Amino acid sequence: MRYLAVCHPTSPVAVLLEGDRQDEALAAFLDGDHHQWIDLARNDAAEVLPDVEDPRDLSEAEFDDALSAAGGRPVLDLDAEILEHGERPNHLPQDWSLWSLDG
């Protein structure tokens, strides 16, 4: 199963997305409905990062370290990754980081 992890650096929010919920959560992300995509993906964090109680409590560096330890790799081109999922980004923040890992 493939997961996506999204991190916002100024107010650290880390969200792991998996399976059928990826499309729904990415659509909510693009629409700016942050609460929806956080709720959609919260349970996935415990599955992939079992030592992390709530990834939103981590700093960006701590989250990156946890993802690296779990075998994650950064996705450098966020626009391309979103487009790969069939979504069309209208206005995507450039300071978000996106990671990919297999669970």
N, C-alpha and C. Protein backbone atom coordinates (compact mmCIF):
# COMPACT_ATOMS: atom_id res chain seq x y z
N MET A 1 0.84 -1.19 0.00
CA MET A 1 0.00 0.00 0.00
C MET A 1 0.88 1.25 0.00
N ARG A 2 0.53 2.22 -0.78
CA ARG A 2 1.33 3.44 -0.89
C ARG A 2 0.71 4.55 -0.07
N TYR A 3 1.56 5.27 0.64
CA TYR A 3 1.10 6.39 1.46
C TYR A 3 1.71 7.69 0.96
N LEU A 4 0.98 8.76 1.16
CA LEU A 4 1.52 10.10 0.95
C LEU A 4 1.50 10.83 2.28
N ALA A 5 2.54 11.56 2.56
CA ALA A 5 2.60 12.36 3.78
C ALA A 5 2.77 13.81 3.39
N VAL A 6 1.95 14.67 3.97
CA VAL A 6 1.98 16.10 3.65
C VAL A 6 2.35 16.87 4.91
N CYS A 7 3.26 17.82 4.79
CA CYS A 7 3.69 18.59 5.95
C CYS A 7 3.68 20.07 5.62
N HIS A 8 3.07 20.84 6.50
CA HIS A 8 3.05 22.30 6.38
C HIS A 8 4.07 22.86 7.36
N PRO A 9 5.08 23.60 6.88
CA PRO A 9 6.20 23.98 7.75
C PRO A 9 5.91 25.06 8.78
N THR A 10 4.96 25.96 8.55
CA THR A 10 4.78 27.07 9.48
C THR A 10 3.92 26.70 10.67
N SER A 11 2.94 25.85 10.47
CA SER A 11 2.17 25.31 11.59
C SER A 11 2.14 23.81 11.35
N PRO A 12 3.14 23.08 11.85
CA PRO A 12 3.36 21.70 11.41
C PRO A 12 2.11 20.83 11.44
N VAL A 13 1.68 20.44 10.29
CA VAL A 13 0.57 19.52 10.12
C VAL A 13 1.08 18.42 9.22
N ALA A 14 1.10 17.22 9.73
CA ALA A 14 1.58 16.10 8.94
C ALA A 14 0.43 15.12 8.77
N VAL A 15 0.16 14.73 7.56
CA VAL A 15 -0.98 13.87 7.29
C VAL A 15 -0.55 12.75 6.38
N LEU A 16 -0.93 11.54 6.71
CA LEU A 16 -0.62 10.40 5.87
C LEU A 16 -1.89 9.94 5.18
N LEU A 17 -1.79 9.74 3.90
CA LEU A 17 -2.95 9.36 3.10
C LEU A 17 -2.70 8.00 2.49
N GLU A 18 -3.74 7.19 2.39
CA GLU A 18 -3.55 5.89 1.77
C GLU A 18 -4.79 5.45 1.01
N GLY A 19 -4.57 4.53 0.10
CA GLY A 19 -5.64 3.83 -0.57
C GLY A 19 -6.68 4.73 -1.23
N ASP A 20 -7.95 4.32 -1.11
CA ASP A 20 -9.05 5.01 -1.79
C ASP A 20 -9.26 6.41 -1.26
N ARG A 21 -8.81 6.68 -0.04
CA ARG A 21 -9.04 8.01 0.53
C ARG A 21 -8.08 9.05 -0.01
N GLN A 22 -7.03 8.63 -0.74
CA GLN A 22 -6.08 9.61 -1.26
C GLN A 22 -6.77 10.64 -2.16
N ASP A 23 -7.56 10.17 -3.10
CA ASP A 23 -8.20 11.09 -4.04
C ASP A 23 -9.13 12.06 -3.31
N GLU A 24 -9.92 11.55 -2.37
CA GLU A 24 -10.84 12.40 -1.62
C GLU A 24 -10.08 13.41 -0.76
N ALA A 25 -9.02 12.93 -0.10
CA ALA A 25 -8.24 13.82 0.76
C ALA A 25 -7.47 14.85 -0.06
N LEU A 26 -6.91 14.45 -1.20
CA LEU A 26 -6.19 15.41 -2.04
C LEU A 26 -7.14 16.46 -2.60
N ALA A 27 -8.36 16.04 -2.94
CA ALA A 27 -9.34 17.02 -3.42
C ALA A 27 -9.68 18.02 -2.32
N ALA A 28 -9.83 17.54 -1.09
CA ALA A 28 -10.10 18.44 0.04
C ALA A 28 -8.91 19.37 0.28
N PHE A 29 -7.70 18.82 0.14
CA PHE A 29 -6.49 19.63 0.29
C PHE A 29 -6.47 20.76 -0.73
N LEU A 30 -6.78 20.43 -1.97
CA LEU A 30 -6.75 21.44 -3.04
C LEU A 30 -7.86 22.46 -2.88
N ASP A 31 -8.98 22.04 -2.28
CA ASP A 31 -10.09 22.96 -2.04
C ASP A 31 -9.88 23.81 -0.79
N GLY A 32 -8.81 23.54 -0.06
CA GLY A 32 -8.53 24.30 1.15
C GLY A 32 -9.29 23.83 2.37
N ASP A 33 -9.92 22.64 2.29
CA ASP A 33 -10.67 22.11 3.43
C ASP A 33 -9.73 21.28 4.29
N HIS A 34 -8.89 21.97 5.06
CA HIS A 34 -7.84 21.29 5.81
C HIS A 34 -8.38 20.33 6.85
N HIS A 35 -9.46 20.69 7.53
CA HIS A 35 -9.99 19.81 8.57
C HIS A 35 -10.45 18.48 7.98
N GLN A 36 -11.04 18.53 6.79
CA GLN A 36 -11.53 17.29 6.18
C GLN A 36 -10.38 16.35 5.86
N TRP A 37 -9.31 16.87 5.22
CA TRP A 37 -8.27 15.92 4.85
C TRP A 37 -7.43 15.49 6.04
N ILE A 38 -7.37 16.29 7.09
CA ILE A 38 -6.70 15.84 8.31
C ILE A 38 -7.49 14.69 8.93
N ASP A 39 -8.82 14.85 9.01
CA ASP A 39 -9.65 13.80 9.59
C ASP A 39 -9.62 12.53 8.75
N LEU A 40 -9.59 12.69 7.44
CA LEU A 40 -9.57 11.52 6.56
C LEU A 40 -8.33 10.67 6.78
N ALA A 41 -7.22 11.31 7.11
CA ALA A 41 -5.95 10.60 7.12
C ALA A 41 -5.36 10.35 8.49
N ARG A 42 -5.96 10.84 9.54
CA ARG A 42 -5.34 10.79 10.87
C ARG A 42 -5.00 9.36 11.29
N ASN A 43 -5.88 8.41 11.04
CA ASN A 43 -5.63 7.05 11.48
C ASN A 43 -4.45 6.41 10.77
N ASP A 44 -4.18 6.85 9.55
CA ASP A 44 -3.08 6.26 8.80
C ASP A 44 -1.73 6.56 9.43
N ALA A 45 -1.63 7.67 10.14
CA ALA A 45 -0.36 8.05 10.75
C ALA A 45 0.09 6.99 11.75
N ALA A 46 -0.84 6.51 12.57
CA ALA A 46 -0.50 5.51 13.58
C ALA A 46 -0.03 4.22 12.93
N GLU A 47 -0.56 3.91 11.76
CA GLU A 47 -0.19 2.69 11.07
C GLU A 47 1.24 2.74 10.55
N VAL A 48 1.64 3.88 10.01
CA VAL A 48 2.94 4.00 9.36
C VAL A 48 4.01 4.49 10.33
N LEU A 49 3.63 5.35 11.26
CA LEU A 49 4.57 5.88 12.25
C LEU A 49 4.06 5.52 13.65
N PRO A 50 4.18 4.25 14.05
CA PRO A 50 3.58 3.80 15.30
C PRO A 50 4.15 4.48 16.54
N ASP A 51 5.37 5.00 16.46
CA ASP A 51 5.98 5.66 17.62
C ASP A 51 5.57 7.12 17.76
N VAL A 52 4.78 7.61 16.81
CA VAL A 52 4.36 9.01 16.83
C VAL A 52 2.88 9.07 17.19
N GLU A 53 2.57 9.68 18.33
CA GLU A 53 1.17 9.72 18.79
C GLU A 53 0.32 10.59 17.87
N ASP A 54 0.77 11.80 17.59
CA ASP A 54 0.06 12.71 16.68
C ASP A 54 1.11 13.46 15.87
N PRO A 55 1.22 13.16 14.57
CA PRO A 55 2.28 13.79 13.77
C PRO A 55 2.17 15.30 13.72
N ARG A 56 0.99 15.84 14.04
CA ARG A 56 0.84 17.29 14.03
C ARG A 56 1.60 17.96 15.17
N ASP A 57 2.03 17.15 16.16
CA ASP A 57 2.80 17.70 17.27
C ASP A 57 4.28 17.82 16.95
N LEU A 58 4.71 17.29 15.82
CA LEU A 58 6.13 17.30 15.46
C LEU A 58 6.51 18.57 14.72
N SER A 59 7.76 18.95 14.88
CA SER A 59 8.28 20.03 14.03
C SER A 59 8.49 19.45 12.63
N GLU A 60 8.73 20.31 11.66
CA GLU A 60 8.97 19.83 10.30
C GLU A 60 10.18 18.89 10.27
N ALA A 61 11.26 19.26 10.96
CA ALA A 61 12.47 18.43 10.97
C ALA A 61 12.21 17.07 11.63
N GLU A 62 11.47 17.07 12.74
CA GLU A 62 11.15 15.82 13.43
C GLU A 62 10.29 14.91 12.55
N PHE A 63 9.35 15.52 11.84
CA PHE A 63 8.49 14.75 10.95
C PHE A 63 9.30 14.17 9.80
N ASP A 64 10.18 14.98 9.22
CA ASP A 64 11.04 14.48 8.14
C ASP A 64 11.89 13.31 8.63
N ASP A 65 12.44 13.42 9.85
CA ASP A 65 13.25 12.34 10.41
C ASP A 65 12.42 11.07 10.60
N ALA A 66 11.19 11.22 11.10
CA ALA A 66 10.33 10.06 11.31
C ALA A 66 9.98 9.39 9.98
N LEU A 67 9.72 10.20 8.96
CA LEU A 67 9.41 9.63 7.65
C LEU A 67 10.62 8.93 7.05
N SER A 68 11.80 9.53 7.19
CA SER A 68 13.02 8.89 6.68
C SER A 68 13.24 7.55 7.37
N ALA A 69 13.05 7.51 8.69
CA ALA A 69 13.23 6.28 9.44
C ALA A 69 12.24 5.20 9.01
N ALA A 70 11.06 5.63 8.54
CA ALA A 70 10.04 4.68 8.09
C ALA A 70 10.23 4.28 6.63
N GLY A 71 11.28 4.78 6.00
CA GLY A 71 11.55 4.43 4.60
C GLY A 71 10.93 5.37 3.60
N GLY A 72 10.52 6.54 4.05
CA GLY A 72 9.91 7.50 3.14
C GLY A 72 10.92 8.20 2.25
N ARG A 73 10.43 8.73 1.14
CA ARG A 73 11.28 9.51 0.25
C ARG A 73 10.53 10.79 -0.09
N PRO A 74 11.25 11.92 -0.14
CA PRO A 74 10.57 13.17 -0.48
C PRO A 74 10.15 13.19 -1.94
N VAL A 75 8.98 13.73 -2.20
CA VAL A 75 8.52 13.96 -3.57
C VAL A 75 8.80 15.42 -3.86
N LEU A 76 9.71 15.66 -4.79
CA LEU A 76 10.19 17.02 -5.00
C LEU A 76 9.23 17.88 -5.80
N ASP A 77 8.48 17.27 -6.71
CA ASP A 77 7.58 18.04 -7.57
C ASP A 77 6.14 17.83 -7.12
N LEU A 78 5.68 18.70 -6.22
CA LEU A 78 4.34 18.54 -5.65
C LEU A 78 3.27 18.65 -6.72
N ASP A 79 3.40 19.60 -7.65
CA ASP A 79 2.39 19.76 -8.70
C ASP A 79 2.25 18.48 -9.52
N ALA A 80 3.37 17.88 -9.89
CA ALA A 80 3.33 16.66 -10.71
C ALA A 80 2.69 15.52 -9.94
N GLU A 81 2.99 15.43 -8.65
CA GLU A 81 2.41 14.35 -7.84
C GLU A 81 0.90 14.50 -7.74
N ILE A 82 0.42 15.72 -7.55
CA ILE A 82 -1.02 15.95 -7.48
C ILE A 82 -1.66 15.64 -8.83
N LEU A 83 -1.05 16.10 -9.91
CA LEU A 83 -1.60 15.85 -11.23
C LEU A 83 -1.65 14.36 -11.53
N GLU A 84 -0.68 13.61 -11.02
CA GLU A 84 -0.65 12.17 -11.22
C GLU A 84 -1.89 11.52 -10.63
N HIS A 85 -2.47 12.14 -9.61
CA HIS A 85 -3.67 11.61 -8.97
C HIS A 85 -4.95 12.14 -9.61
N GLY A 86 -4.82 12.84 -10.73
CA GLY A 86 -6.00 13.29 -11.44
C GLY A 86 -6.59 14.59 -10.96
N GLU A 87 -5.91 15.26 -10.05
CA GLU A 87 -6.41 16.53 -9.54
C GLU A 87 -5.68 17.66 -10.25
N ARG A 88 -6.34 18.79 -10.39
CA ARG A 88 -5.73 19.94 -11.06
C ARG A 88 -5.53 21.04 -10.03
N PRO A 89 -4.27 21.27 -9.61
CA PRO A 89 -4.05 22.29 -8.59
C PRO A 89 -4.29 23.68 -9.13
N ASN A 90 -5.14 24.44 -8.46
CA ASN A 90 -5.38 25.82 -8.86
C ASN A 90 -4.34 26.74 -8.23
N HIS A 91 -4.13 26.58 -6.95
CA HIS A 91 -3.14 27.40 -6.26
C HIS A 91 -2.54 26.56 -5.15
N LEU A 92 -1.37 26.03 -5.39
CA LEU A 92 -0.75 25.11 -4.46
C LEU A 92 0.40 25.79 -3.73
N PRO A 93 0.39 25.82 -2.41
CA PRO A 93 1.49 26.45 -1.67
C PRO A 93 2.82 25.77 -1.98
N GLN A 94 3.84 26.55 -2.24
CA GLN A 94 5.13 25.99 -2.60
C GLN A 94 5.92 25.52 -1.38
N ASP A 95 5.50 25.91 -0.17
CA ASP A 95 6.29 25.55 1.01
C ASP A 95 5.82 24.25 1.67
N TRP A 96 4.85 23.58 1.09
CA TRP A 96 4.44 22.28 1.62
C TRP A 96 5.43 21.23 1.15
N SER A 97 5.69 20.24 1.98
CA SER A 97 6.53 19.13 1.55
C SER A 97 5.66 17.88 1.44
N LEU A 98 6.00 17.04 0.50
CA LEU A 98 5.24 15.82 0.25
C LEU A 98 6.21 14.65 0.23
N TRP A 99 5.85 13.58 0.92
CA TRP A 99 6.68 12.39 0.99
C TRP A 99 5.87 11.20 0.50
N SER A 100 6.56 10.19 0.03
CA SER A 100 5.92 8.97 -0.41
C SER A 100 6.60 7.80 0.30
N LEU A 101 5.80 6.85 0.78
CA LEU A 101 6.38 5.65 1.37
C LEU A 101 5.41 4.49 1.21
N ASP A 102 5.95 3.30 1.25
CA ASP A 102 5.14 2.10 1.13
C ASP A 102 4.90 1.54 2.52
N GLY A 103 3.66 1.15 2.78
CA GLY A 103 3.34 0.61 4.09
C GLY A 103 3.04 -0.87 4.01
